[in-house]
Amino acid sequence: MLQERLLGVYAAGSFGLADFDPARSDLDVFAVSRSPVSRADKRAIVDRLRHEQLPCPTRGLEFVLYPEETARVPTNEAGFLLNLNTGPGMEFRVDEHPGAVERHWFPLDRAVVRVSGVALTGPQPSELFAPIPRELLLAVVRESLLWHREPGHTGDDDAVLNACRSLRWLREGAWSSKSDAAAWAFGNVADPELVREALAMRRVEAPRLDRGRVEAFLDAVIHEVG
């Protein structure tokens, strides 16, 4: 399909951060291509990668194809060519251009893959993905926290653990896995017990978190982000 236009393919997310849990984690895979990529190319990629054709062994595959210019130029826009969600535990979704999906996921993912991605083919991710300046990332970190603040967008445990990741990045400039961010947060937040409860929910069946405490936790991190 892409042939010589394909510059690299990278495993990212929890896999790249050494926090992969087959029972809960998605497979995050990013690819970078030279332009042009036609609509027929995109449809062929979807047909080849969707779960019915290539069964995903975990909850789901999140695949994003970026153009070279998005990878190499610092930006906090979504900037993708194709966004695909597919798998046995994931709602099938295809976006052929940005606009219908929240932009914050994509620059945050690119920032993380640059420092922790695993090259499946192509150069090391730090050679292809440009560093995104802190001032650009602050805006999308805040957007992500506000998104988690809205009820029903995600599990409260994910909201708390992602807030821990954002807070550690804010204070130390380091991107970490949810587990490592939680361990760091135990000594750095006002409600460490909430973090322990959120982390426990990833491992065993546990009671739902108190929504009021979750919102207060998110509000404190949002305030610090500014």
N, C-alpha and C. Protein backbone atom coordinates (compact mmCIF):
# COMPACT_ATOMS: atom_id res chain seq x y z
N MET A 1 0.82 -1.21 0.00
CA MET A 1 0.00 0.00 0.00
C MET A 1 0.86 1.26 0.00
N LEU A 2 1.55 1.52 1.12
CA LEU A 2 2.37 2.73 1.19
C LEU A 2 3.75 2.53 0.59
N GLN A 3 4.27 1.31 0.68
CA GLN A 3 5.55 0.95 0.07
C GLN A 3 6.65 1.94 0.46
N GLU A 4 7.30 2.57 -0.52
CA GLU A 4 8.44 3.42 -0.20
C GLU A 4 8.04 4.70 0.51
N ARG A 5 6.75 5.01 0.57
CA ARG A 5 6.31 6.20 1.31
C ARG A 5 6.35 5.99 2.82
N LEU A 6 6.35 4.75 3.28
CA LEU A 6 6.33 4.46 4.71
C LEU A 6 7.69 4.76 5.33
N LEU A 7 7.71 5.65 6.32
CA LEU A 7 8.96 6.06 6.95
C LEU A 7 9.23 5.30 8.25
N GLY A 8 8.18 4.89 8.96
CA GLY A 8 8.38 4.19 10.22
C GLY A 8 7.08 3.74 10.82
N VAL A 9 7.16 2.69 11.64
CA VAL A 9 6.01 2.19 12.40
C VAL A 9 6.48 1.96 13.83
N TYR A 10 5.67 2.39 14.81
CA TYR A 10 6.10 2.41 16.20
C TYR A 10 5.02 1.88 17.13
N ALA A 11 5.42 0.99 18.04
CA ALA A 11 4.55 0.58 19.15
C ALA A 11 4.72 1.60 20.26
N ALA A 12 3.62 2.04 20.81
CA ALA A 12 3.68 3.12 21.78
C ALA A 12 2.76 2.82 22.96
N GLY A 13 2.36 3.87 23.67
CA GLY A 13 1.44 3.70 24.79
C GLY A 13 2.03 2.84 25.90
N SER A 14 1.18 2.02 26.51
CA SER A 14 1.61 1.20 27.64
C SER A 14 2.68 0.19 27.24
N PHE A 15 2.67 -0.26 25.98
CA PHE A 15 3.70 -1.19 25.52
C PHE A 15 5.07 -0.52 25.55
N GLY A 16 5.16 0.67 25.00
CA GLY A 16 6.42 1.38 24.98
C GLY A 16 6.88 1.79 26.37
N LEU A 17 5.93 2.00 27.28
CA LEU A 17 6.25 2.43 28.64
C LEU A 17 6.40 1.25 29.61
N ALA A 18 6.43 0.03 29.08
CA ALA A 18 6.63 -1.18 29.89
C ALA A 18 5.56 -1.35 30.96
N ASP A 19 4.32 -1.03 30.60
CA ASP A 19 3.21 -1.17 31.54
C ASP A 19 2.03 -1.88 30.87
N PHE A 20 2.33 -2.74 29.91
CA PHE A 20 1.29 -3.38 29.11
C PHE A 20 0.61 -4.49 29.89
N ASP A 21 -0.72 -4.46 29.91
CA ASP A 21 -1.54 -5.49 30.56
C ASP A 21 -2.47 -6.07 29.51
N PRO A 22 -2.25 -7.31 29.07
CA PRO A 22 -3.08 -7.88 27.99
C PRO A 22 -4.57 -7.88 28.29
N ALA A 23 -4.93 -7.89 29.56
CA ALA A 23 -6.34 -7.92 29.92
C ALA A 23 -7.01 -6.56 29.80
N ARG A 24 -6.21 -5.46 29.86
CA ARG A 24 -6.81 -4.14 29.89
C ARG A 24 -6.27 -3.20 28.81
N SER A 25 -5.04 -3.40 28.43
CA SER A 25 -4.38 -2.41 27.57
C SER A 25 -4.80 -2.53 26.11
N ASP A 26 -4.74 -1.40 25.42
CA ASP A 26 -4.87 -1.38 23.97
C ASP A 26 -3.47 -1.48 23.37
N LEU A 27 -3.42 -1.92 22.12
CA LEU A 27 -2.19 -1.84 21.35
C LEU A 27 -2.20 -0.50 20.60
N ASP A 28 -1.25 0.35 20.93
CA ASP A 28 -1.13 1.65 20.27
C ASP A 28 -0.02 1.56 19.24
N VAL A 29 -0.35 1.78 17.98
CA VAL A 29 0.63 1.70 16.90
C VAL A 29 0.52 2.96 16.05
N PHE A 30 1.65 3.60 15.82
CA PHE A 30 1.70 4.81 15.00
C PHE A 30 2.58 4.56 13.79
N ALA A 31 2.17 5.10 12.67
CA ALA A 31 2.98 5.02 11.45
C ALA A 31 3.14 6.42 10.88
N VAL A 32 4.23 6.62 10.16
CA VAL A 32 4.51 7.91 9.53
C VAL A 32 4.79 7.67 8.05
N SER A 33 4.17 8.49 7.22
CA SER A 33 4.28 8.30 5.78
C SER A 33 4.55 9.61 5.07
N ARG A 34 5.28 9.52 3.98
CA ARG A 34 5.35 10.66 3.06
C ARG A 34 4.01 10.79 2.34
N SER A 35 3.69 12.00 1.96
CA SER A 35 2.48 12.24 1.17
C SER A 35 2.79 11.97 -0.30
N PRO A 36 1.76 11.76 -1.13
CA PRO A 36 0.35 11.77 -0.76
C PRO A 36 -0.12 10.38 -0.33
N VAL A 37 -1.19 10.38 0.47
CA VAL A 37 -1.88 9.15 0.84
C VAL A 37 -3.34 9.34 0.43
N SER A 38 -3.78 8.56 -0.50
CA SER A 38 -5.12 8.74 -1.06
C SER A 38 -6.17 8.11 -0.16
N ARG A 39 -7.42 8.42 -0.46
CA ARG A 39 -8.51 7.79 0.27
C ARG A 39 -8.53 6.29 0.02
N ALA A 40 -8.17 5.88 -1.18
CA ALA A 40 -8.09 4.44 -1.48
C ALA A 40 -7.00 3.78 -0.64
N ASP A 41 -5.87 4.46 -0.44
CA ASP A 41 -4.81 3.94 0.43
C ASP A 41 -5.34 3.75 1.85
N LYS A 42 -6.06 4.74 2.34
CA LYS A 42 -6.57 4.67 3.71
C LYS A 42 -7.56 3.52 3.86
N ARG A 43 -8.44 3.37 2.89
CA ARG A 43 -9.41 2.28 2.96
C ARG A 43 -8.72 0.93 2.90
N ALA A 44 -7.65 0.83 2.12
CA ALA A 44 -6.90 -0.44 2.04
C ALA A 44 -6.23 -0.75 3.37
N ILE A 45 -5.70 0.27 4.05
CA ILE A 45 -5.08 0.07 5.35
C ILE A 45 -6.12 -0.41 6.37
N VAL A 46 -7.28 0.24 6.37
CA VAL A 46 -8.35 -0.17 7.29
C VAL A 46 -8.76 -1.61 7.01
N ASP A 47 -8.94 -1.95 5.76
CA ASP A 47 -9.35 -3.31 5.41
C ASP A 47 -8.32 -4.35 5.86
N ARG A 48 -7.05 -3.98 5.81
CA ARG A 48 -5.99 -4.92 6.18
C ARG A 48 -5.86 -5.05 7.70
N LEU A 49 -6.12 -3.96 8.45
CA LEU A 49 -5.85 -3.95 9.88
C LEU A 49 -7.07 -4.20 10.76
N ARG A 50 -8.26 -4.09 10.23
CA ARG A 50 -9.44 -4.23 11.09
C ARG A 50 -9.49 -5.63 11.69
N HIS A 51 -10.11 -5.73 12.85
CA HIS A 51 -10.06 -6.96 13.65
C HIS A 51 -10.55 -8.18 12.90
N GLU A 52 -11.53 -8.00 12.04
CA GLU A 52 -12.08 -9.14 11.29
C GLU A 52 -11.06 -9.73 10.32
N GLN A 53 -10.09 -8.91 9.90
CA GLN A 53 -9.06 -9.38 8.96
C GLN A 53 -7.77 -9.77 9.69
N LEU A 54 -7.40 -8.96 10.68
CA LEU A 54 -6.18 -9.21 11.47
C LEU A 54 -6.58 -9.20 12.94
N PRO A 55 -6.95 -10.33 13.52
CA PRO A 55 -7.47 -10.36 14.89
C PRO A 55 -6.49 -9.74 15.88
N CYS A 56 -7.02 -8.87 16.71
CA CYS A 56 -6.21 -8.21 17.74
C CYS A 56 -6.24 -9.06 19.00
N PRO A 57 -5.08 -9.42 19.57
CA PRO A 57 -5.06 -10.31 20.72
C PRO A 57 -5.37 -9.64 22.05
N THR A 58 -5.58 -8.34 22.04
CA THR A 58 -5.91 -7.63 23.27
C THR A 58 -7.27 -6.95 23.09
N ARG A 59 -7.56 -6.01 23.97
CA ARG A 59 -8.84 -5.31 23.92
C ARG A 59 -9.07 -4.65 22.56
N GLY A 60 -8.01 -4.09 22.01
CA GLY A 60 -8.18 -3.41 20.74
C GLY A 60 -6.90 -2.81 20.22
N LEU A 61 -6.94 -2.42 18.96
CA LEU A 61 -5.84 -1.74 18.28
C LEU A 61 -6.23 -0.28 18.05
N GLU A 62 -5.35 0.61 18.46
CA GLU A 62 -5.49 2.02 18.12
C GLU A 62 -4.34 2.36 17.17
N PHE A 63 -4.68 2.55 15.91
CA PHE A 63 -3.67 2.80 14.88
C PHE A 63 -3.85 4.22 14.34
N VAL A 64 -2.75 4.95 14.27
CA VAL A 64 -2.78 6.31 13.74
C VAL A 64 -1.68 6.44 12.69
N LEU A 65 -2.06 6.96 11.53
CA LEU A 65 -1.10 7.25 10.46
C LEU A 65 -0.92 8.77 10.38
N TYR A 66 0.35 9.20 10.48
CA TYR A 66 0.68 10.62 10.40
C TYR A 66 1.43 10.93 9.12
N PRO A 67 1.24 12.13 8.59
CA PRO A 67 2.11 12.57 7.50
C PRO A 67 3.46 13.01 8.08
N GLU A 68 4.47 12.96 7.27
CA GLU A 68 5.82 13.32 7.73
C GLU A 68 5.85 14.72 8.33
N GLU A 69 5.12 15.65 7.75
CA GLU A 69 5.18 17.03 8.24
C GLU A 69 4.64 17.17 9.66
N THR A 70 3.64 16.38 10.05
CA THR A 70 3.12 16.44 11.41
C THR A 70 4.15 15.88 12.39
N ALA A 71 4.82 14.80 12.00
CA ALA A 71 5.81 14.20 12.89
C ALA A 71 7.01 15.12 13.08
N ARG A 72 7.46 15.75 12.02
CA ARG A 72 8.74 16.49 12.08
C ARG A 72 8.59 17.92 12.54
N VAL A 73 7.39 18.49 12.48
CA VAL A 73 7.19 19.90 12.84
C VAL A 73 6.43 19.98 14.16
N PRO A 74 6.96 20.68 15.17
CA PRO A 74 6.27 20.76 16.46
C PRO A 74 4.89 21.39 16.32
N THR A 75 3.87 20.68 16.75
CA THR A 75 2.50 21.18 16.69
C THR A 75 1.67 20.47 17.75
N ASN A 76 0.65 21.14 18.25
CA ASN A 76 -0.27 20.47 19.17
C ASN A 76 -1.62 20.20 18.52
N GLU A 77 -1.64 20.21 17.18
CA GLU A 77 -2.84 19.82 16.46
C GLU A 77 -2.87 18.30 16.28
N ALA A 78 -4.04 17.77 15.96
CA ALA A 78 -4.17 16.32 15.77
C ALA A 78 -3.32 15.87 14.59
N GLY A 79 -3.50 16.48 13.44
CA GLY A 79 -2.59 16.34 12.32
C GLY A 79 -2.46 14.96 11.71
N PHE A 80 -3.42 14.08 11.89
CA PHE A 80 -3.27 12.72 11.37
C PHE A 80 -3.89 12.59 9.98
N LEU A 81 -3.52 11.50 9.31
CA LEU A 81 -4.12 11.12 8.04
C LEU A 81 -5.20 10.07 8.22
N LEU A 82 -5.02 9.21 9.24
CA LEU A 82 -5.96 8.12 9.48
C LEU A 82 -5.92 7.76 10.96
N ASN A 83 -7.10 7.59 11.55
CA ASN A 83 -7.23 7.14 12.93
C ASN A 83 -8.18 5.95 12.93
N LEU A 84 -7.69 4.79 13.40
CA LEU A 84 -8.47 3.56 13.38
C LEU A 84 -8.52 2.94 14.77
N ASN A 85 -9.72 2.63 15.24
CA ASN A 85 -9.93 1.85 16.45
C ASN A 85 -10.65 0.57 16.05
N THR A 86 -10.09 -0.57 16.45
CA THR A 86 -10.71 -1.84 16.10
C THR A 86 -10.26 -2.91 17.09
N GLY A 87 -11.11 -3.87 17.37
CA GLY A 87 -10.73 -4.94 18.29
C GLY A 87 -11.94 -5.55 18.96
N PRO A 88 -11.74 -6.66 19.68
CA PRO A 88 -12.86 -7.38 20.28
C PRO A 88 -13.56 -6.62 21.40
N GLY A 89 -12.84 -5.71 22.07
CA GLY A 89 -13.46 -4.97 23.16
C GLY A 89 -13.53 -3.49 22.91
N MET A 90 -13.46 -3.09 21.66
CA MET A 90 -13.40 -1.67 21.30
C MET A 90 -14.39 -1.36 20.19
N GLU A 91 -15.05 -0.23 20.31
CA GLU A 91 -15.98 0.19 19.27
C GLU A 91 -15.21 0.56 18.00
N PHE A 92 -15.63 0.00 16.88
CA PHE A 92 -14.95 0.26 15.61
C PHE A 92 -15.13 1.72 15.22
N ARG A 93 -14.02 2.34 14.83
CA ARG A 93 -14.08 3.75 14.44
C ARG A 93 -13.00 4.03 13.42
N VAL A 94 -13.34 4.84 12.42
CA VAL A 94 -12.38 5.29 11.42
C VAL A 94 -12.56 6.79 11.23
N ASP A 95 -11.46 7.53 11.33
CA ASP A 95 -11.44 8.96 11.00
C ASP A 95 -10.38 9.15 9.93
N GLU A 96 -10.78 9.71 8.79
CA GLU A 96 -9.83 9.95 7.71
C GLU A 96 -9.25 11.36 7.74
N HIS A 97 -9.69 12.18 8.67
CA HIS A 97 -9.11 13.50 8.86
C HIS A 97 -9.53 14.01 10.23
N PRO A 98 -8.77 14.91 10.83
CA PRO A 98 -9.12 15.43 12.15
C PRO A 98 -10.42 16.24 12.11
N GLY A 99 -10.97 16.42 13.29
CA GLY A 99 -12.17 17.25 13.40
C GLY A 99 -13.26 16.61 14.20
N ALA A 100 -13.47 15.30 14.03
CA ALA A 100 -14.56 14.62 14.73
C ALA A 100 -14.10 13.95 16.01
N VAL A 101 -12.81 13.99 16.29
CA VAL A 101 -12.27 13.36 17.49
C VAL A 101 -11.44 14.40 18.23
N GLU A 102 -11.41 14.33 19.56
CA GLU A 102 -10.69 15.31 20.36
C GLU A 102 -9.22 15.37 19.96
N ARG A 103 -8.70 16.58 19.77
CA ARG A 103 -7.34 16.72 19.26
C ARG A 103 -6.29 16.35 20.28
N HIS A 104 -6.61 16.46 21.59
CA HIS A 104 -5.54 16.38 22.60
C HIS A 104 -4.83 15.03 22.63
N TRP A 105 -5.55 13.94 22.26
CA TRP A 105 -4.90 12.63 22.31
C TRP A 105 -3.64 12.57 21.45
N PHE A 106 -3.67 13.22 20.32
CA PHE A 106 -2.66 12.99 19.29
C PHE A 106 -1.32 13.67 19.59
N PRO A 107 -1.29 14.96 19.91
CA PRO A 107 0.01 15.53 20.29
C PRO A 107 0.58 14.92 21.56
N LEU A 108 -0.29 14.56 22.51
CA LEU A 108 0.22 13.90 23.72
C LEU A 108 0.84 12.55 23.38
N ASP A 109 0.18 11.80 22.51
CA ASP A 109 0.74 10.51 22.09
C ASP A 109 2.07 10.70 21.36
N ARG A 110 2.16 11.71 20.53
CA ARG A 110 3.42 11.94 19.80
C ARG A 110 4.54 12.33 20.75
N ALA A 111 4.21 13.10 21.79
CA ALA A 111 5.23 13.46 22.78
C ALA A 111 5.74 12.22 23.51
N VAL A 112 4.82 11.28 23.81
CA VAL A 112 5.21 10.07 24.53
C VAL A 112 5.97 9.12 23.62
N VAL A 113 5.51 8.94 22.39
CA VAL A 113 6.18 7.98 21.50
C VAL A 113 7.60 8.45 21.20
N ARG A 114 7.83 9.74 21.18
CA ARG A 114 9.17 10.23 20.89
C ARG A 114 10.18 9.74 21.92
N VAL A 115 9.77 9.62 23.18
CA VAL A 115 10.71 9.25 24.25
C VAL A 115 10.64 7.78 24.63
N SER A 116 9.55 7.09 24.24
CA SER A 116 9.41 5.71 24.72
C SER A 116 8.93 4.73 23.66
N GLY A 117 8.69 5.19 22.45
CA GLY A 117 8.18 4.30 21.41
C GLY A 117 9.19 3.23 21.01
N VAL A 118 8.67 2.11 20.54
CA VAL A 118 9.50 1.00 20.07
C VAL A 118 9.39 0.95 18.55
N ALA A 119 10.52 1.09 17.87
CA ALA A 119 10.52 1.10 16.41
C ALA A 119 10.31 -0.32 15.88
N LEU A 120 9.21 -0.53 15.16
CA LEU A 120 8.96 -1.80 14.49
C LEU A 120 9.63 -1.82 13.12
N THR A 121 9.68 -0.66 12.51
CA THR A 121 10.46 -0.44 11.30
C THR A 121 10.75 1.05 11.20
N GLY A 122 11.88 1.39 10.61
CA GLY A 122 12.23 2.79 10.49
C GLY A 122 13.21 3.23 11.57
N PRO A 123 13.56 4.52 11.57
CA PRO A 123 14.53 5.05 12.54
C PRO A 123 13.94 5.09 13.95
N GLN A 124 14.77 5.37 14.92
CA GLN A 124 14.28 5.56 16.27
C GLN A 124 13.28 6.73 16.28
N PRO A 125 12.25 6.63 17.14
CA PRO A 125 11.22 7.68 17.10
C PRO A 125 11.75 9.08 17.36
N SER A 126 12.81 9.20 18.15
CA SER A 126 13.36 10.53 18.42
C SER A 126 13.96 11.17 17.18
N GLU A 127 14.25 10.36 16.15
CA GLU A 127 14.79 10.89 14.91
C GLU A 127 13.69 11.37 13.96
N LEU A 128 12.45 10.93 14.21
CA LEU A 128 11.37 11.25 13.29
C LEU A 128 10.33 12.19 13.91
N PHE A 129 10.09 12.04 15.20
CA PHE A 129 9.10 12.87 15.88
C PHE A 129 9.81 14.05 16.55
N ALA A 130 9.41 15.25 16.18
CA ALA A 130 10.01 16.45 16.76
C ALA A 130 9.56 16.63 18.20
N PRO A 131 10.41 17.19 19.06
CA PRO A 131 9.95 17.54 20.41
C PRO A 131 8.91 18.66 20.33
N ILE A 132 7.86 18.52 21.11
CA ILE A 132 6.79 19.53 21.12
C ILE A 132 7.05 20.46 22.31
N PRO A 133 7.17 21.75 22.10
CA PRO A 133 7.48 22.67 23.20
C PRO A 133 6.44 22.60 24.32
N ARG A 134 6.92 22.86 25.52
CA ARG A 134 6.09 22.76 26.71
C ARG A 134 4.84 23.63 26.61
N GLU A 135 4.99 24.85 26.08
CA GLU A 135 3.83 25.75 26.03
C GLU A 135 2.73 25.20 25.12
N LEU A 136 3.11 24.45 24.08
CA LEU A 136 2.10 23.84 23.22
C LEU A 136 1.45 22.64 23.93
N LEU A 137 2.25 21.87 24.65
CA LEU A 137 1.70 20.71 25.34
C LEU A 137 0.79 21.10 26.50
N LEU A 138 1.08 22.22 27.17
CA LEU A 138 0.25 22.64 28.30
C LEU A 138 -1.21 22.77 27.89
N ALA A 139 -1.45 23.32 26.71
CA ALA A 139 -2.83 23.53 26.26
C ALA A 139 -3.57 22.20 26.11
N VAL A 140 -2.91 21.20 25.53
CA VAL A 140 -3.60 19.93 25.30
C VAL A 140 -3.64 19.07 26.56
N VAL A 141 -2.67 19.23 27.45
CA VAL A 141 -2.77 18.56 28.76
C VAL A 141 -4.01 19.05 29.49
N ARG A 142 -4.22 20.36 29.46
CA ARG A 142 -5.40 20.92 30.12
C ARG A 142 -6.68 20.41 29.45
N GLU A 143 -6.70 20.37 28.13
CA GLU A 143 -7.88 19.85 27.42
C GLU A 143 -8.17 18.41 27.82
N SER A 144 -7.12 17.61 27.96
CA SER A 144 -7.33 16.21 28.33
C SER A 144 -7.92 16.09 29.72
N LEU A 145 -7.45 16.91 30.65
CA LEU A 145 -7.97 16.87 32.02
C LEU A 145 -9.43 17.33 32.06
N LEU A 146 -9.75 18.36 31.31
CA LEU A 146 -11.14 18.82 31.25
C LEU A 146 -12.04 17.76 30.62
N TRP A 147 -11.52 17.04 29.64
CA TRP A 147 -12.28 15.94 29.03
C TRP A 147 -12.56 14.86 30.07
N HIS A 148 -11.55 14.48 30.85
CA HIS A 148 -11.75 13.50 31.91
C HIS A 148 -12.72 14.02 32.98
N ARG A 149 -12.78 15.33 33.13
CA ARG A 149 -13.65 15.94 34.16
C ARG A 149 -15.13 15.76 33.84
N GLU A 150 -15.45 15.56 32.56
CA GLU A 150 -16.84 15.37 32.16
C GLU A 150 -17.28 13.94 32.47
N PRO A 151 -18.38 13.74 33.20
CA PRO A 151 -18.82 12.39 33.55
C PRO A 151 -19.09 11.54 32.30
N GLY A 152 -18.69 10.28 32.38
CA GLY A 152 -19.02 9.34 31.33
C GLY A 152 -18.01 9.23 30.20
N HIS A 153 -17.01 10.11 30.16
CA HIS A 153 -16.05 10.04 29.08
C HIS A 153 -15.09 8.87 29.23
N THR A 154 -14.80 8.49 30.46
CA THR A 154 -13.87 7.39 30.71
C THR A 154 -14.08 6.89 32.12
N GLY A 155 -13.47 5.78 32.47
CA GLY A 155 -13.54 5.30 33.84
C GLY A 155 -12.84 6.26 34.79
N ASP A 156 -13.36 6.38 36.00
CA ASP A 156 -12.76 7.30 36.95
C ASP A 156 -11.34 6.89 37.31
N ASP A 157 -11.04 5.59 37.28
CA ASP A 157 -9.67 5.16 37.56
C ASP A 157 -8.71 5.69 36.50
N ASP A 158 -9.11 5.61 35.22
CA ASP A 158 -8.26 6.17 34.15
C ASP A 158 -8.11 7.68 34.31
N ALA A 159 -9.17 8.35 34.71
CA ALA A 159 -9.11 9.80 34.89
C ALA A 159 -8.07 10.16 35.95
N VAL A 160 -8.08 9.45 37.07
CA VAL A 160 -7.13 9.73 38.15
C VAL A 160 -5.71 9.41 37.72
N LEU A 161 -5.50 8.26 37.09
CA LEU A 161 -4.15 7.86 36.71
C LEU A 161 -3.59 8.73 35.60
N ASN A 162 -4.42 9.14 34.66
CA ASN A 162 -3.94 10.06 33.63
C ASN A 162 -3.62 11.43 34.23
N ALA A 163 -4.39 11.83 35.23
CA ALA A 163 -4.07 13.09 35.92
C ALA A 163 -2.73 12.98 36.63
N CYS A 164 -2.42 11.82 37.20
CA CYS A 164 -1.10 11.62 37.82
C CYS A 164 0.01 11.75 36.79
N ARG A 165 -0.20 11.17 35.61
CA ARG A 165 0.80 11.29 34.53
C ARG A 165 1.00 12.75 34.15
N SER A 166 -0.10 13.47 34.00
CA SER A 166 0.00 14.88 33.62
C SER A 166 0.72 15.69 34.69
N LEU A 167 0.43 15.41 35.95
CA LEU A 167 1.05 16.17 37.04
C LEU A 167 2.55 15.89 37.11
N ARG A 168 2.94 14.64 36.93
CA ARG A 168 4.37 14.34 36.95
C ARG A 168 5.08 15.03 35.79
N TRP A 169 4.47 14.99 34.61
CA TRP A 169 5.08 15.70 33.47
C TRP A 169 5.19 17.18 33.78
N LEU A 170 4.14 17.76 34.36
CA LEU A 170 4.12 19.19 34.65
C LEU A 170 5.27 19.57 35.58
N ARG A 171 5.51 18.74 36.60
CA ARG A 171 6.51 19.09 37.61
C ARG A 171 7.92 18.64 37.24
N GLU A 172 8.04 17.55 36.51
CA GLU A 172 9.36 16.98 36.27
C GLU A 172 9.73 16.87 34.80
N GLY A 173 8.77 17.10 33.91
CA GLY A 173 9.05 17.01 32.49
C GLY A 173 9.21 15.61 31.97
N ALA A 174 8.71 14.62 32.73
CA ALA A 174 8.89 13.21 32.36
C ALA A 174 7.54 12.58 32.09
N TRP A 175 7.47 11.82 30.98
CA TRP A 175 6.28 11.03 30.69
C TRP A 175 6.48 9.63 31.26
N SER A 176 5.49 9.12 31.95
CA SER A 176 5.61 7.81 32.58
C SER A 176 4.34 7.01 32.37
N SER A 177 4.43 5.73 32.65
CA SER A 177 3.25 4.87 32.57
C SER A 177 2.28 5.23 33.69
N LYS A 178 1.06 4.72 33.58
CA LYS A 178 0.08 4.98 34.63
C LYS A 178 0.54 4.40 35.97
N SER A 179 1.12 3.20 35.94
CA SER A 179 1.58 2.59 37.18
C SER A 179 2.71 3.39 37.81
N ASP A 180 3.68 3.81 37.00
CA ASP A 180 4.80 4.59 37.54
C ASP A 180 4.34 5.97 38.01
N ALA A 181 3.40 6.56 37.27
CA ALA A 181 2.87 7.86 37.69
C ALA A 181 2.13 7.74 39.01
N ALA A 182 1.39 6.65 39.20
CA ALA A 182 0.69 6.43 40.46
C ALA A 182 1.69 6.28 41.60
N ALA A 183 2.74 5.49 41.39
CA ALA A 183 3.74 5.31 42.44
C ALA A 183 4.39 6.64 42.81
N TRP A 184 4.66 7.47 41.80
CA TRP A 184 5.22 8.80 42.06
C TRP A 184 4.23 9.66 42.83
N ALA A 185 2.95 9.56 42.48
CA ALA A 185 1.93 10.44 43.06
C ALA A 185 1.68 10.16 44.54
N PHE A 186 1.97 8.94 45.00
CA PHE A 186 1.70 8.62 46.40
C PHE A 186 2.31 9.65 47.35
N GLY A 187 3.49 10.15 46.99
CA GLY A 187 4.14 11.12 47.86
C GLY A 187 4.05 12.55 47.38
N ASN A 188 3.18 12.80 46.37
CA ASN A 188 3.17 14.13 45.77
C ASN A 188 1.79 14.73 45.57
N VAL A 189 0.74 14.08 46.05
CA VAL A 189 -0.62 14.62 45.90
C VAL A 189 -1.31 14.64 47.25
N ALA A 190 -2.41 15.39 47.32
CA ALA A 190 -3.12 15.56 48.59
C ALA A 190 -3.99 14.36 48.94
N ASP A 191 -4.36 13.54 47.95
CA ASP A 191 -5.23 12.39 48.20
C ASP A 191 -4.58 11.12 47.65
N PRO A 192 -3.48 10.67 48.27
CA PRO A 192 -2.81 9.47 47.76
C PRO A 192 -3.68 8.22 47.84
N GLU A 193 -4.61 8.18 48.79
CA GLU A 193 -5.46 7.00 48.91
C GLU A 193 -6.36 6.85 47.68
N LEU A 194 -6.80 7.94 47.11
CA LEU A 194 -7.59 7.87 45.88
C LEU A 194 -6.76 7.26 44.76
N VAL A 195 -5.50 7.63 44.69
CA VAL A 195 -4.60 7.06 43.67
C VAL A 195 -4.45 5.56 43.90
N ARG A 196 -4.28 5.14 45.15
CA ARG A 196 -4.17 3.70 45.45
C ARG A 196 -5.43 2.96 45.02
N GLU A 197 -6.59 3.55 45.28
CA GLU A 197 -7.86 2.92 44.89
C GLU A 197 -7.97 2.83 43.37
N ALA A 198 -7.56 3.88 42.67
CA ALA A 198 -7.61 3.86 41.20
C ALA A 198 -6.68 2.80 40.64
N LEU A 199 -5.50 2.69 41.20
CA LEU A 199 -4.54 1.69 40.75
C LEU A 199 -5.06 0.28 41.02
N ALA A 200 -5.70 0.08 42.16
CA ALA A 200 -6.24 -1.24 42.51
C ALA A 200 -7.33 -1.67 41.54
N MET A 201 -8.08 -0.71 41.01
CA MET A 201 -9.16 -1.04 40.08
C MET A 201 -8.63 -1.64 38.79
N ARG A 202 -7.36 -1.41 38.48
CA ARG A 202 -6.77 -1.99 37.27
C ARG A 202 -6.43 -3.46 37.47
N ARG A 203 -6.37 -3.90 38.72
CA ARG A 203 -5.88 -5.23 39.02
C ARG A 203 -6.97 -6.19 39.46
N VAL A 204 -7.94 -5.70 40.19
CA VAL A 204 -9.00 -6.55 40.72
C VAL A 204 -10.32 -5.81 40.62
N GLU A 205 -11.41 -6.56 40.76
CA GLU A 205 -12.72 -5.92 40.85
C GLU A 205 -12.77 -5.12 42.14
N ALA A 206 -13.12 -3.87 42.03
CA ALA A 206 -13.12 -3.00 43.21
C ALA A 206 -14.30 -2.04 43.11
N PRO A 207 -14.73 -1.49 44.26
CA PRO A 207 -15.84 -0.53 44.22
C PRO A 207 -15.49 0.69 43.38
N ARG A 208 -16.51 1.32 42.84
CA ARG A 208 -16.31 2.54 42.08
C ARG A 208 -15.71 3.62 42.96
N LEU A 209 -14.93 4.48 42.35
CA LEU A 209 -14.36 5.59 43.09
C LEU A 209 -15.44 6.63 43.39
N ASP A 210 -15.24 7.35 44.47
CA ASP A 210 -16.14 8.43 44.81
C ASP A 210 -15.97 9.57 43.80
N ARG A 211 -17.04 9.88 43.09
CA ARG A 211 -16.94 10.86 42.00
C ARG A 211 -16.54 12.24 42.51
N GLY A 212 -17.01 12.61 43.68
CA GLY A 212 -16.64 13.91 44.23
C GLY A 212 -15.15 14.02 44.47
N ARG A 213 -14.53 12.96 44.98
CA ARG A 213 -13.09 12.97 45.20
C ARG A 213 -12.33 12.99 43.87
N VAL A 214 -12.87 12.27 42.88
CA VAL A 214 -12.23 12.28 41.57
C VAL A 214 -12.25 13.68 40.98
N GLU A 215 -13.39 14.34 41.06
CA GLU A 215 -13.49 15.69 40.49
C GLU A 215 -12.59 16.66 41.23
N ALA A 216 -12.50 16.53 42.56
CA ALA A 216 -11.62 17.41 43.33
C ALA A 216 -10.16 17.18 42.95
N PHE A 217 -9.80 15.92 42.73
CA PHE A 217 -8.43 15.59 42.32
C PHE A 217 -8.11 16.22 40.96
N LEU A 218 -9.03 16.04 40.02
CA LEU A 218 -8.83 16.62 38.68
C LEU A 218 -8.76 18.13 38.74
N ASP A 219 -9.63 18.74 39.54
CA ASP A 219 -9.64 20.20 39.65
C ASP A 219 -8.31 20.73 40.18
N ALA A 220 -7.71 20.00 41.12
CA ALA A 220 -6.43 20.45 41.66
C ALA A 220 -5.34 20.39 40.60
N VAL A 221 -5.35 19.34 39.78
CA VAL A 221 -4.33 19.24 38.73
C VAL A 221 -4.59 20.30 37.66
N ILE A 222 -5.85 20.50 37.28
CA ILE A 222 -6.19 21.53 36.29
C ILE A 222 -5.73 22.91 36.78
N HIS A 223 -5.95 23.17 38.06
CA HIS A 223 -5.52 24.47 38.61
C HIS A 223 -4.02 24.63 38.50
N GLU A 224 -3.28 23.56 38.77
CA GLU A 224 -1.81 23.66 38.69
C GLU A 224 -1.35 23.84 37.25
N VAL A 225 -2.02 23.17 36.31
CA VAL A 225 -1.68 23.38 34.90
C VAL A 225 -1.89 24.82 34.50
N GLY A 226 -2.98 25.42 35.03
CA GLY A 226 -3.23 26.84 34.79
C GLY A 226 -4.11 27.07 33.58
